[in-house]
Amino acid sequence: MQRIFLFLYKIRAFLLFVLLEVIAIWMIASNNSQQGAAFFNSSNQFIGAILSAQNDVVEYFSLSSVNKSLVDKNAELLAELEKLRQPADSVFIELDSLLSSTFQFKGAKVINNSLRLTQNHLTINKGSNHGIKQGMGVFNEEGVVGRVKSVSKNYASIISLLHTELLISSKIKSNDVFGSTKWDGKNSKLAKLMYVPRHVVVEVGDKIVTSGYNAVFPEGIPIGTVIEIKPGPETNYLDITIELATDFSKISYVYLVENFQQQELDSLYQSTGVNYEQ
């Protein structure tokens, strides 16, 4: 502390000069309208630039909360869209207007993700306290991501589409032919569309989407695009390679979809011994 006082004492003349200059400038600006206007305009521009930079910094650090609110809002809009997409009957039934939508959507942030394993998983920052349940389908704005495997109070583990044991019930959008999408454990950008018969006409560029023939995903969520078709080796099915719609190396936020009728469908399939893809 003594050194600081000694340093200030040594430069006392300079500090006095600066103080007198500030007083002089203030007096000139206060007593002369022309110089005052120029001074205050300049100072306003300087302060405005500082405030603008400060605002940019604040906005940058608030992007996370902004993204979270956008994901939650999009989840609400997806639920509304699903209501509008309910297939219309040829005859209007008044009771239909009282039925609620089959699906409900929630948003969450991905906090962990693996890519290099043969059985990859993701972790999200929401769990049972937020209404997340085992078996819910998971997707993002690009396409299918996976399915919820296990849930704790505040977190959930998701089986990634990049998992060699996960099958997704799929269809070719152009002709409604059904199949199953499965990852072969090799390239994280590619997967196989299985069980499509050889007589089916499939073309490069065909879009693959969820079929809606299960209790997990609504119909029409993107899965990928056909990039290669070959005759299957010694089988009656085509060997179809698709490029996945979802870039798993850049997943930040996801949507989770709950089918209110899933438990009923699971019980029905279990009682009849039916095995179906998710």
Protein backbone atom coordinates (compact mmCIF):
# COMPACT_ATOMS: atom_id res chain seq x y z
CA MET A 1 0.00 0.00 0.00
CA GLN A 2 2.87 2.38 0.82
CA ARG A 3 4.35 1.82 -2.64
CA ILE A 4 1.05 2.79 -4.24
CA PHE A 5 0.95 6.05 -2.32
CA LEU A 6 4.58 6.76 -3.27
CA PHE A 7 3.77 6.10 -6.93
CA LEU A 8 0.74 8.42 -6.86
CA TYR A 9 2.84 11.09 -5.13
CA LYS A 10 5.45 10.88 -7.89
CA ILE A 11 2.90 11.43 -10.64
CA ARG A 12 0.91 14.04 -8.72
CA ALA A 13 1.65 16.67 -11.35
CA PHE A 14 0.28 14.47 -14.15
CA LEU A 15 -2.85 13.61 -12.17
CA LEU A 16 -3.45 17.30 -11.42
CA PHE A 17 -3.06 18.07 -15.13
CA VAL A 18 -5.61 15.39 -16.09
CA LEU A 19 -8.06 16.65 -13.47
CA LEU A 20 -7.74 20.26 -14.70
CA GLU A 21 -8.21 19.11 -18.30
CA VAL A 22 -11.42 17.27 -17.42
CA ILE A 23 -12.73 20.32 -15.56
CA ALA A 24 -11.84 22.56 -18.49
CA ILE A 25 -13.56 20.32 -21.02
CA TRP A 26 -16.64 20.10 -18.82
CA MET A 27 -16.79 23.89 -18.43
CA ILE A 28 -16.39 24.43 -22.20
CA ALA A 29 -19.09 21.88 -23.00
CA SER A 30 -21.44 23.29 -20.36
CA ASN A 31 -21.10 26.97 -21.36
CA ASN A 32 -20.89 26.68 -25.16
CA SER A 33 -23.83 25.06 -26.94
CA GLN A 34 -21.94 24.20 -30.14
CA GLN A 35 -18.99 22.54 -28.40
CA GLY A 36 -21.36 20.93 -25.89
CA ALA A 37 -23.47 19.35 -28.64
CA ALA A 38 -20.37 17.98 -30.34
CA PHE A 39 -19.01 16.64 -27.07
CA PHE A 40 -22.21 14.96 -25.98
CA ASN A 41 -22.82 13.49 -29.44
CA SER A 42 -19.33 11.98 -29.38
CA SER A 43 -19.76 10.69 -25.85
CA ASN A 44 -23.15 9.23 -26.74
CA GLN A 45 -21.60 7.36 -29.66
CA PHE A 46 -18.81 6.06 -27.42
CA ILE A 47 -21.21 4.98 -24.66
CA GLY A 48 -23.55 3.48 -27.26
CA ALA A 49 -20.73 1.39 -28.67
CA ILE A 50 -19.84 0.15 -25.18
CA LEU A 51 -23.46 -0.71 -24.40
CA SER A 52 -23.84 -2.47 -27.73
CA ALA A 53 -20.77 -4.60 -27.06
CA GLN A 54 -22.03 -5.34 -23.55
CA ASN A 55 -25.40 -6.38 -24.96
CA ASP A 56 -23.72 -8.70 -27.48
CA VAL A 57 -21.80 -10.41 -24.67
CA VAL A 58 -24.94 -10.80 -22.54
CA GLU A 59 -26.89 -12.19 -25.51
CA TYR A 60 -24.13 -14.70 -26.25
CA PHE A 61 -24.16 -16.12 -22.73
CA SER A 62 -27.97 -16.21 -22.74
CA LEU A 63 -28.17 -18.28 -25.95
CA SER A 64 -28.47 -21.49 -23.94
CA SER A 65 -31.63 -20.34 -22.17
CA VAL A 66 -32.99 -18.94 -25.44
CA ASN A 67 -32.43 -22.28 -27.17
CA LYS A 68 -34.12 -24.10 -24.30
CA SER A 69 -37.20 -21.90 -24.52
CA LEU A 70 -37.30 -22.38 -28.30
CA VAL A 71 -37.13 -26.16 -27.92
CA ASP A 72 -39.98 -26.10 -25.37
CA LYS A 73 -42.06 -23.88 -27.65
CA ASN A 74 -41.38 -26.11 -30.65
CA ALA A 75 -42.51 -29.12 -28.62
CA GLU A 76 -45.84 -27.37 -28.01
CA LEU A 77 -46.15 -26.53 -31.72
CA LEU A 78 -45.40 -30.14 -32.67
CA ALA A 79 -48.26 -31.28 -30.46
CA GLU A 80 -50.59 -28.79 -32.14
CA LEU A 81 -49.39 -29.89 -35.58
CA GLU A 82 -50.02 -33.53 -34.73
CA LYS A 83 -53.62 -32.67 -33.87
CA LEU A 84 -54.06 -31.02 -37.27
CA ARG A 85 -52.54 -34.04 -39.02
CA GLN A 86 -55.11 -36.49 -37.64
CA PRO A 87 -56.57 -38.37 -40.64
CA ALA A 88 -60.03 -37.15 -41.59
CA ASP A 89 -62.88 -39.68 -41.84
CA SER A 90 -65.20 -39.71 -44.84
CA VAL A 91 -68.07 -38.96 -42.46
CA PHE A 92 -67.67 -36.35 -39.73
CA ILE A 93 -68.40 -37.63 -36.24
CA GLU A 94 -69.11 -34.97 -33.66
CA LEU A 95 -67.33 -36.94 -30.93
CA ASP A 96 -64.05 -36.67 -32.87
CA SER A 97 -63.65 -33.06 -31.77
CA LEU A 98 -63.57 -34.21 -28.15
CA LEU A 99 -60.73 -36.68 -28.67
CA SER A 100 -57.28 -35.54 -27.61
CA SER A 101 -54.18 -36.05 -29.75
CA THR A 102 -52.43 -39.40 -29.46
CA PHE A 103 -48.98 -37.87 -29.01
CA GLN A 104 -47.39 -35.38 -26.62
CA PHE A 105 -43.99 -33.73 -27.15
CA LYS A 106 -41.30 -32.50 -24.74
CA GLY A 107 -37.91 -30.83 -25.28
CA ALA A 108 -34.55 -31.63 -23.64
CA LYS A 109 -30.83 -30.88 -23.96
CA VAL A 110 -28.26 -33.56 -24.79
CA ILE A 111 -25.45 -33.57 -22.20
CA ASN A 112 -23.60 -36.70 -23.36
CA ASN A 113 -23.37 -38.57 -26.65
CA SER A 114 -21.29 -41.47 -27.98
CA LEU A 115 -20.52 -42.23 -31.63
CA ARG A 116 -17.64 -44.70 -31.83
CA LEU A 117 -19.23 -47.76 -30.19
CA THR A 118 -21.44 -50.42 -31.73
CA GLN A 119 -24.09 -49.70 -29.10
CA ASN A 120 -24.19 -45.95 -28.63
CA HIS A 121 -26.24 -43.96 -26.13
CA LEU A 122 -27.14 -40.35 -25.36
CA THR A 123 -27.95 -38.67 -22.05
CA ILE A 124 -30.43 -35.79 -21.66
CA ASN A 125 -30.95 -33.33 -18.81
CA LYS A 126 -34.54 -34.29 -18.04
CA GLY A 127 -36.03 -37.29 -16.25
CA SER A 128 -39.12 -38.54 -14.44
CA ASN A 129 -39.54 -35.19 -12.65
CA HIS A 130 -40.12 -33.65 -16.09
CA GLY A 131 -42.49 -36.31 -17.39
CA ILE A 132 -39.90 -38.38 -19.28
CA LYS A 133 -40.74 -42.09 -19.44
CA GLN A 134 -39.03 -45.25 -20.59
CA GLY A 135 -39.83 -46.15 -24.19
CA MET A 136 -40.48 -42.62 -25.48
CA GLY A 137 -39.31 -41.88 -29.02
CA VAL A 138 -36.57 -39.29 -29.51
CA PHE A 139 -35.90 -37.07 -32.55
CA ASN A 140 -34.64 -33.62 -33.45
CA GLU A 141 -35.27 -31.11 -36.23
CA GLU A 142 -33.35 -33.34 -38.67
CA GLY A 143 -34.85 -36.75 -37.93
CA VAL A 144 -34.99 -39.81 -35.68
CA VAL A 145 -32.44 -39.97 -32.84
CA GLY A 146 -33.42 -43.03 -30.80
CA ARG A 147 -35.56 -44.25 -27.92
CA VAL A 148 -35.51 -43.67 -24.14
CA LYS A 149 -33.96 -46.67 -22.36
CA SER A 150 -33.87 -45.71 -18.67
CA VAL A 151 -34.92 -42.74 -16.57
CA SER A 152 -33.82 -41.21 -13.25
CA LYS A 153 -35.38 -38.21 -11.52
CA ASN A 154 -33.48 -35.58 -13.53
CA TYR A 155 -31.81 -37.47 -16.38
CA ALA A 156 -32.58 -40.08 -19.01
CA SER A 157 -30.48 -42.47 -21.10
CA ILE A 158 -31.38 -42.89 -24.78
CA ILE A 159 -30.60 -45.80 -27.09
CA SER A 160 -29.16 -44.07 -30.14
CA LEU A 161 -30.19 -44.97 -33.67
CA LEU A 162 -26.47 -45.79 -33.90
CA HIS A 163 -27.11 -48.98 -31.93
CA THR A 164 -26.87 -52.35 -33.63
CA GLU A 165 -29.83 -53.78 -31.70
CA LEU A 166 -32.35 -50.99 -32.38
CA LEU A 167 -34.89 -51.39 -35.19
CA ILE A 168 -37.03 -48.48 -36.40
CA SER A 169 -40.23 -49.26 -38.27
CA SER A 170 -39.86 -47.34 -41.53
CA LYS A 171 -41.37 -46.81 -44.96
CA ILE A 172 -40.33 -45.46 -48.35
CA LYS A 173 -42.15 -42.15 -48.60
CA SER A 174 -42.73 -42.30 -52.37
CA ASN A 175 -44.54 -45.65 -52.42
CA ASP A 176 -45.43 -46.42 -48.75
CA VAL A 177 -43.53 -49.74 -48.82
CA PHE A 178 -42.60 -50.75 -45.28
CA GLY A 179 -39.28 -51.94 -43.90
CA SER A 180 -37.02 -51.60 -40.87
CA THR A 181 -34.05 -49.29 -40.41
CA LYS A 182 -31.05 -50.75 -38.60
CA TRP A 183 -27.49 -49.51 -38.12
CA ASP A 184 -24.78 -52.00 -39.07
CA GLY A 185 -22.17 -50.61 -36.64
CA LYS A 186 -19.88 -49.17 -39.32
CA ASN A 187 -20.39 -45.63 -40.61
CA SER A 188 -22.20 -43.22 -38.25
CA LYS A 189 -23.80 -41.50 -41.26
CA LEU A 190 -25.20 -44.64 -42.93
CA ALA A 191 -27.70 -47.37 -42.06
CA LYS A 192 -29.58 -50.22 -43.75
CA LEU A 193 -33.23 -50.36 -44.78
CA MET A 194 -34.16 -54.00 -44.30
CA TYR A 195 -36.97 -56.35 -45.37
CA VAL A 196 -37.90 -54.56 -48.59
CA PRO A 197 -38.82 -57.27 -51.19
CA ARG A 198 -36.81 -57.53 -54.39
CA HIS A 199 -39.77 -56.76 -56.65
CA VAL A 200 -40.24 -53.29 -55.09
CA VAL A 201 -39.02 -50.38 -57.20
CA VAL A 202 -36.65 -48.27 -55.10
CA GLU A 203 -34.63 -45.36 -56.45
CA VAL A 204 -31.61 -43.45 -55.21
CA GLY A 205 -32.87 -40.31 -53.52
CA ASP A 206 -36.04 -41.87 -52.10
CA LYS A 207 -36.85 -40.53 -48.63
CA ILE A 208 -37.22 -42.94 -45.70
CA VAL A 209 -39.52 -41.90 -42.85
CA THR A 210 -41.12 -43.48 -39.79
CA SER A 211 -44.06 -45.69 -40.72
CA GLY A 212 -46.41 -44.89 -37.88
CA TYR A 213 -46.98 -48.65 -37.49
CA ASN A 214 -45.76 -48.73 -33.90
CA ALA A 215 -46.47 -47.23 -30.52
CA VAL A 216 -43.40 -44.96 -30.41
CA PHE A 217 -43.04 -42.55 -33.35
CA PRO A 218 -45.70 -40.67 -35.29
CA GLU A 219 -45.76 -41.26 -39.04
CA GLY A 220 -43.51 -39.20 -41.29
CA ILE A 221 -40.46 -38.31 -39.15
CA PRO A 222 -37.37 -38.32 -41.43
CA ILE A 223 -34.90 -41.18 -41.08
CA GLY A 224 -32.70 -40.92 -44.17
CA THR A 225 -32.27 -40.97 -47.94
CA VAL A 226 -31.55 -43.97 -50.17
CA ILE A 227 -28.04 -43.79 -51.66
CA GLU A 228 -27.46 -47.39 -52.84
CA ILE A 229 -29.62 -50.37 -53.88
CA LYS A 230 -28.28 -53.87 -54.49
CA PRO A 231 -29.84 -57.35 -54.66
CA GLY A 232 -29.64 -58.96 -51.26
CA PRO A 233 -27.18 -61.88 -51.01
CA GLU A 234 -29.20 -65.13 -51.18
CA THR A 235 -32.36 -63.48 -49.83
CA ASN A 236 -35.64 -62.22 -51.23
CA TYR A 237 -34.92 -58.71 -49.97
CA LEU A 238 -33.00 -55.77 -51.36
CA ASP A 239 -29.77 -54.55 -49.80
CA ILE A 240 -30.55 -50.85 -49.34
CA THR A 241 -28.14 -48.33 -47.85
CA ILE A 242 -29.49 -45.01 -46.60
CA GLU A 243 -27.77 -41.82 -45.51
CA LEU A 244 -29.14 -40.86 -42.10
CA ALA A 245 -30.98 -37.54 -41.85
CA THR A 246 -29.62 -36.87 -38.36
CA ASP A 247 -26.04 -35.70 -37.90
CA PHE A 248 -25.23 -37.42 -34.60
CA SER A 249 -22.00 -35.46 -34.18
CA LYS A 250 -23.93 -32.18 -33.75
CA ILE A 251 -26.93 -33.07 -31.59
CA SER A 252 -27.64 -30.41 -28.95
CA TYR A 253 -31.38 -30.50 -28.32
CA VAL A 254 -33.96 -33.24 -28.89
CA TYR A 255 -37.70 -33.77 -28.74
CA LEU A 256 -39.30 -36.67 -26.91
CA VAL A 257 -42.64 -38.03 -28.03
CA GLU A 258 -45.05 -39.90 -25.78
CA ASN A 259 -47.87 -42.03 -27.19
CA PHE A 260 -50.75 -41.97 -24.72
CA GLN A 261 -51.90 -45.33 -26.13
CA GLN A 262 -48.52 -47.05 -25.95
CA GLN A 263 -49.19 -49.00 -22.75
CA GLU A 264 -52.43 -50.34 -24.18
CA LEU A 265 -50.74 -51.36 -27.42
CA ASP A 266 -47.84 -53.00 -25.56
CA SER A 267 -50.27 -55.03 -23.48
CA LEU A 268 -52.15 -56.10 -26.60
CA TYR A 269 -48.99 -57.19 -28.42
CA GLN A 270 -47.72 -59.02 -25.35
CA SER A 271 -50.99 -60.91 -24.88
CA THR A 272 -51.04 -61.98 -28.54
CA GLY A 273 -47.31 -62.76 -28.75
CA VAL A 274 -46.72 -60.18 -31.47
CA ASN A 275 -43.18 -58.80 -31.83
CA TYR A 276 -42.91 -55.40 -33.53
CA GLU A 277 -40.21 -52.84 -34.26
CA GLN A 278 -40.07 -49.53 -32.48
